[in-house]
Amino acid sequence: MAKNTICLWYDKDAEAAARFYAETFPDSTVGAVIRAPGDYPDGKQGDVLVVEFTVAGVPCIGLNGGPVFKHNEAFSFQIATDNQEETDRYWNAIVENGGQESECGWCKDRWGLSWQITPRVLTEALAIGGDEAKRAFDAMMTMRKIDVAAIEAARRG
């Protein structure tokens, strides 16, 4: 286990989430699945307690802590994409697997975890500043999934 690991709270399906992420994103894996050694107030022996996994190179732990705490937009994974095909692939995998669209490149997976699927062309435009950044930003503000061609057109003016 890494020295610093992101711990994500799930109700009962941390393992399913970890497997989905590993199937969807490169440099993602599922590691140890730790099961309860005995019965406990909210479960029984053999239930999955913790799942170690990696999402796009980031070490994580999925904790099956129950329904008390929910994910919100205060935490999200930001996935940088190189083109529209990659943007579409990740966005569609999340949204079409029980997730939901949001705005400006944000979406949520079926477990409520937020994702920013962000083409590099957008972050590059914003980093430049000035009128080019403003045009790209204004274009982004009208989008759900980011349209790479529209961002490129906005950059050119």
C-alpha atoms as a PDB file:
ATOM      1  CA  MET A   1       0.000   0.000   0.000  1.00  0.00           C
ATOM      2  CA  ALA A   2       1.204   3.509  -0.842  1.00  0.00           C
ATOM      3  CA  LYS A   3       2.172   5.858   1.984  1.00  0.00           C
ATOM      4  CA  ASN A   4      -0.551   8.329   0.936  1.00  0.00           C
ATOM      5  CA  THR A   5      -3.764   6.872  -0.465  1.00  0.00           C
ATOM      6  CA  ILE A   6      -7.110   8.429  -1.291  1.00  0.00           C
ATOM      7  CA  CYS A   7      -9.902   6.731   0.665  1.00  0.00           C
ATOM      8  CA  LEU A   8     -13.286   6.739  -1.077  1.00  0.00           C
ATOM      9  CA  TRP A   9     -16.402   5.799   0.893  1.00  0.00           C
ATOM     10  CA  TYR A  10     -18.960   3.482  -0.704  1.00  0.00           C
ATOM     11  CA  ASP A  11     -22.136   1.941   0.628  1.00  0.00           C
ATOM     12  CA  LYS A  12     -21.568  -1.713  -0.285  1.00  0.00           C
ATOM     13  CA  ASP A  13     -20.054  -1.842  -3.728  1.00  0.00           C
ATOM     14  CA  ALA A  14     -16.478  -0.551  -3.547  1.00  0.00           C
ATOM     15  CA  GLU A  15     -15.295  -3.657  -5.361  1.00  0.00           C
ATOM     16  CA  ALA A  16     -17.699  -3.120  -8.286  1.00  0.00           C
ATOM     17  CA  ALA A  17     -16.590   0.518  -8.535  1.00  0.00           C
ATOM     18  CA  ALA A  18     -12.891  -0.435  -8.447  1.00  0.00           C
ATOM     19  CA  ARG A  19     -13.400  -3.037 -11.181  1.00  0.00           C
ATOM     20  CA  PHE A  20     -15.290  -0.529 -13.346  1.00  0.00           C
ATOM     21  CA  TYR A  21     -12.494   2.043 -12.988  1.00  0.00           C
ATOM     22  CA  ALA A  22      -9.846  -0.587 -13.789  1.00  0.00           C
ATOM     23  CA  GLU A  23     -11.738  -1.608 -16.940  1.00  0.00           C
ATOM     24  CA  THR A  24     -12.312   1.997 -18.042  1.00  0.00           C
ATOM     25  CA  PHE A  25      -9.071   3.909 -17.434  1.00  0.00           C
ATOM     26  CA  PRO A  26      -5.508   3.010 -18.406  1.00  0.00           C
ATOM     27  CA  ASP A  27      -2.956   2.561 -15.620  1.00  0.00           C
ATOM     28  CA  SER A  28      -5.774   1.344 -13.346  1.00  0.00           C
ATOM     29  CA  THR A  29      -5.857  -1.905 -11.376  1.00  0.00           C
ATOM     30  CA  VAL A  30      -7.660  -3.686  -8.576  1.00  0.00           C
ATOM     31  CA  GLY A  31      -5.392  -4.898  -5.780  1.00  0.00           C
ATOM     32  CA  ALA A  32      -6.219  -6.496  -2.458  1.00  0.00           C
ATOM     33  CA  VAL A  33      -9.828  -7.161  -1.507  1.00  0.00           C
ATOM     34  CA  ILE A  34     -10.040  -7.312   2.290  1.00  0.00           C
ATOM     35  CA  ARG A  35     -12.981  -9.184   3.772  1.00  0.00           C
ATOM     36  CA  ALA A  36     -14.477  -9.121   7.256  1.00  0.00           C
ATOM     37  CA  PRO A  37     -12.905 -11.821   9.426  1.00  0.00           C
ATOM     38  CA  GLY A  38     -16.143 -12.133  11.429  1.00  0.00           C
ATOM     39  CA  ASP A  39     -19.678 -10.850  11.754  1.00  0.00           C
ATOM     40  CA  TYR A  40     -20.153  -7.194  12.728  1.00  0.00           C
ATOM     41  CA  PRO A  41     -23.163  -4.916  13.369  1.00  0.00           C
ATOM     42  CA  ASP A  42     -23.766  -4.009   9.691  1.00  0.00           C
ATOM     43  CA  GLY A  43     -22.499  -7.171   8.019  1.00  0.00           C
ATOM     44  CA  LYS A  44     -21.216 -10.650   8.207  1.00  0.00           C
ATOM     45  CA  GLN A  45     -18.027 -12.611   7.882  1.00  0.00           C
ATOM     46  CA  GLY A  46     -16.733 -12.546   4.327  1.00  0.00           C
ATOM     47  CA  ASP A  47     -18.285  -9.211   3.332  1.00  0.00           C
ATOM     48  CA  VAL A  48     -15.899  -6.909   1.461  1.00  0.00           C
ATOM     49  CA  LEU A  49     -14.637  -4.192   3.815  1.00  0.00           C
ATOM     50  CA  VAL A  50     -11.860  -2.532   1.825  1.00  0.00           C
ATOM     51  CA  VAL A  51     -10.633  -2.680  -1.770  1.00  0.00           C
ATOM     52  CA  GLU A  52      -7.218  -1.386  -2.797  1.00  0.00           C
ATOM     53  CA  PHE A  53      -7.167  -0.024  -6.334  1.00  0.00           C
ATOM     54  CA  THR A  54      -5.454   2.440  -8.643  1.00  0.00           C
ATOM     55  CA  VAL A  55      -7.241   4.900 -10.953  1.00  0.00           C
ATOM     56  CA  ALA A  56      -5.101   6.363 -13.736  1.00  0.00           C
ATOM     57  CA  GLY A  57      -2.003   5.938 -11.568  1.00  0.00           C
ATOM     58  CA  VAL A  58      -3.581   7.308  -8.364  1.00  0.00           C
ATOM     59  CA  PRO A  59      -3.649   4.846  -5.429  1.00  0.00           C
ATOM     60  CA  CYS A  60      -7.033   4.560  -3.727  1.00  0.00           C
ATOM     61  CA  ILE A  61      -8.876   2.555  -1.129  1.00  0.00           C
ATOM     62  CA  GLY A  62     -12.576   1.872  -1.434  1.00  0.00           C
ATOM     63  CA  LEU A  63     -14.160   1.565   2.000  1.00  0.00           C
ATOM     64  CA  ASN A  64     -17.571  -0.088   2.259  1.00  0.00           C
ATOM     65  CA  GLY A  65     -18.628   2.153   5.128  1.00  0.00           C
ATOM     66  CA  GLY A  66     -22.375   2.125   4.572  1.00  0.00           C
ATOM     67  CA  PRO A  67     -24.935   4.707   3.438  1.00  0.00           C
ATOM     68  CA  VAL A  68     -24.086   7.471   5.935  1.00  0.00           C
ATOM     69  CA  PHE A  69     -21.673   9.528   3.795  1.00  0.00           C
ATOM     70  CA  LYS A  70     -22.193  10.372   0.122  1.00  0.00           C
ATOM     71  CA  HIS A  71     -19.773  11.583  -2.535  1.00  0.00           C
ATOM     72  CA  ASN A  72     -20.083  15.195  -3.649  1.00  0.00           C
ATOM     73  CA  GLU A  73     -18.374  17.590  -6.045  1.00  0.00           C
ATOM     74  CA  ALA A  74     -15.879  18.689  -3.375  1.00  0.00           C
ATOM     75  CA  PHE A  75     -13.805  15.719  -4.573  1.00  0.00           C
ATOM     76  CA  SER A  76     -13.410  14.656  -8.183  1.00  0.00           C
ATOM     77  CA  PHE A  77     -11.001  12.862 -10.449  1.00  0.00           C
ATOM     78  CA  GLN A  78      -9.808  15.001 -13.351  1.00  0.00           C
ATOM     79  CA  ILE A  79      -8.877  12.947 -16.394  1.00  0.00           C
ATOM     80  CA  ALA A  80      -6.886  14.833 -19.059  1.00  0.00           C
ATOM     81  CA  THR A  81      -7.728  13.701 -22.574  1.00  0.00           C
ATOM     82  CA  ASP A  82      -5.829  14.177 -25.822  1.00  0.00           C
ATOM     83  CA  ASN A  83      -8.703  14.279 -28.325  1.00  0.00           C
ATOM     84  CA  GLN A  84     -12.462  13.970 -28.805  1.00  0.00           C
ATOM     85  CA  GLU A  85     -12.325  10.189 -29.179  1.00  0.00           C
ATOM     86  CA  GLU A  86     -10.701   9.777 -25.760  1.00  0.00           C
ATOM     87  CA  THR A  87     -13.047  12.358 -24.225  1.00  0.00           C
ATOM     88  CA  ASP A  88     -16.067  10.526 -25.632  1.00  0.00           C
ATOM     89  CA  ARG A  89     -14.793   7.117 -24.515  1.00  0.00           C
ATOM     90  CA  TYR A  90     -14.420   8.087 -20.841  1.00  0.00           C
ATOM     91  CA  TRP A  91     -17.488  10.307 -20.698  1.00  0.00           C
ATOM     92  CA  ASN A  92     -19.707   7.690 -22.320  1.00  0.00           C
ATOM     93  CA  ALA A  93     -18.336   4.882 -20.129  1.00  0.00           C
ATOM     94  CA  ILE A  94     -19.264   6.833 -17.001  1.00  0.00           C
ATOM     95  CA  VAL A  95     -22.600   8.270 -18.123  1.00  0.00           C
ATOM     96  CA  GLU A  96     -23.856   5.167 -19.950  1.00  0.00           C
ATOM     97  CA  ASN A  97     -23.054   2.918 -16.964  1.00  0.00           C
ATOM     98  CA  GLY A  98     -25.663   4.492 -14.690  1.00  0.00           C
ATOM     99  CA  GLY A  99     -23.917   7.855 -14.305  1.00  0.00           C
ATOM    100  CA  GLN A 100     -25.167  11.322 -15.103  1.00  0.00           C
ATOM    101  CA  GLU A 101     -24.012  14.338 -17.048  1.00  0.00           C
ATOM    102  CA  SER A 102     -23.288  17.644 -15.415  1.00  0.00           C
ATOM    103  CA  GLU A 103     -21.817  20.813 -16.925  1.00  0.00           C
ATOM    104  CA  CYS A 104     -18.435  22.042 -18.172  1.00  0.00           C
ATOM    105  CA  GLY A 105     -16.948  18.562 -18.579  1.00  0.00           C
ATOM    106  CA  TRP A 106     -18.184  17.187 -15.240  1.00  0.00           C
ATOM    107  CA  CYS A 107     -20.145  13.975 -14.796  1.00  0.00           C
ATOM    108  CA  LYS A 108     -20.892  11.528 -11.988  1.00  0.00           C
ATOM    109  CA  ASP A 109     -20.532   7.779 -12.013  1.00  0.00           C
ATOM    110  CA  ARG A 110     -23.284   5.504 -10.738  1.00  0.00           C
ATOM    111  CA  TRP A 111     -21.733   5.577  -7.248  1.00  0.00           C
ATOM    112  CA  GLY A 112     -21.981   9.381  -7.120  1.00  0.00           C
ATOM    113  CA  LEU A 113     -18.249  10.062  -7.591  1.00  0.00           C
ATOM    114  CA  SER A 114     -17.544  13.170  -9.699  1.00  0.00           C
ATOM    115  CA  TRP A 115     -15.277  13.147 -12.733  1.00  0.00           C
ATOM    116  CA  GLN A 116     -13.895  15.977 -14.835  1.00  0.00           C
ATOM    117  CA  ILE A 117     -13.223  14.705 -18.350  1.00  0.00           C
ATOM    118  CA  THR A 118     -11.035  17.553 -19.561  1.00  0.00           C
ATOM    119  CA  PRO A 119      -9.398  17.790 -22.986  1.00  0.00           C
ATOM    120  CA  ARG A 120      -5.876  19.212 -22.816  1.00  0.00           C
ATOM    121  CA  VAL A 121      -6.806  21.753 -25.503  1.00  0.00           C
ATOM    122  CA  LEU A 122      -9.108  23.393 -22.955  1.00  0.00           C
ATOM    123  CA  THR A 123      -6.586  23.569 -20.115  1.00  0.00           C
ATOM    124  CA  GLU A 124      -3.930  24.825 -22.529  1.00  0.00           C
ATOM    125  CA  ALA A 125      -6.243  27.613 -23.721  1.00  0.00           C
ATOM    126  CA  LEU A 126      -7.089  28.653 -20.177  1.00  0.00           C
ATOM    127  CA  ALA A 127      -3.396  28.697 -19.209  1.00  0.00           C
ATOM    128  CA  ILE A 128      -2.567  31.080 -22.066  1.00  0.00           C
ATOM    129  CA  GLY A 129      -4.851  33.748 -20.654  1.00  0.00           C
ATOM    130  CA  GLY A 130      -6.151  36.806 -22.426  1.00  0.00           C
ATOM    131  CA  ASP A 131      -8.785  36.813 -25.142  1.00  0.00           C
ATOM    132  CA  GLU A 132      -8.042  33.252 -26.224  1.00  0.00           C
ATOM    133  CA  ALA A 133      -8.684  31.943 -22.712  1.00  0.00           C
ATOM    134  CA  LYS A 134     -11.870  34.005 -22.449  1.00  0.00           C
ATOM    135  CA  ARG A 135     -13.232  32.634 -25.734  1.00  0.00           C
ATOM    136  CA  ALA A 136     -12.433  29.028 -24.731  1.00  0.00           C
ATOM    137  CA  PHE A 137     -13.923  29.583 -21.270  1.00  0.00           C
ATOM    138  CA  ASP A 138     -17.116  31.085 -22.698  1.00  0.00           C
ATOM    139  CA  ALA A 139     -17.470  28.140 -25.090  1.00  0.00           C
ATOM    140  CA  MET A 140     -16.904  25.631 -22.257  1.00  0.00           C
ATOM    141  CA  MET A 141     -19.603  27.291 -20.143  1.00  0.00           C
ATOM    142  CA  THR A 142     -22.221  26.245 -22.731  1.00  0.00           C
ATOM    143  CA  MET A 143     -21.202  22.564 -22.750  1.00  0.00           C
ATOM    144  CA  ARG A 144     -21.829  19.397 -20.827  1.00  0.00           C
ATOM    145  CA  LYS A 145     -19.279  17.037 -22.412  1.00  0.00           C
ATOM    146  CA  ILE A 146     -16.454  19.157 -23.818  1.00  0.00           C
ATOM    147  CA  ASP A 147     -16.476  19.512 -27.603  1.00  0.00           C
ATOM    148  CA  VAL A 148     -12.823  19.666 -28.672  1.00  0.00           C
ATOM    149  CA  ALA A 149     -13.564  21.154 -32.121  1.00  0.00           C
ATOM    150  CA  ALA A 150     -15.672  23.922 -30.565  1.00  0.00           C
ATOM    151  CA  ILE A 151     -12.906  24.753 -28.072  1.00  0.00           C
ATOM    152  CA  GLU A 152     -10.338  24.841 -30.883  1.00  0.00           C
ATOM    153  CA  ALA A 153     -12.613  27.134 -32.930  1.00  0.00           C
ATOM    154  CA  ALA A 154     -13.136  29.422 -29.950  1.00  0.00           C
ATOM    155  CA  ARG A 155      -9.377  29.630 -29.404  1.00  0.00           C
ATOM    156  CA  ARG A 156      -8.917  30.805 -32.992  1.00  0.00           C
ATOM    157  CA  GLY A 157     -11.723  33.349 -32.623  1.00  0.00           C
END
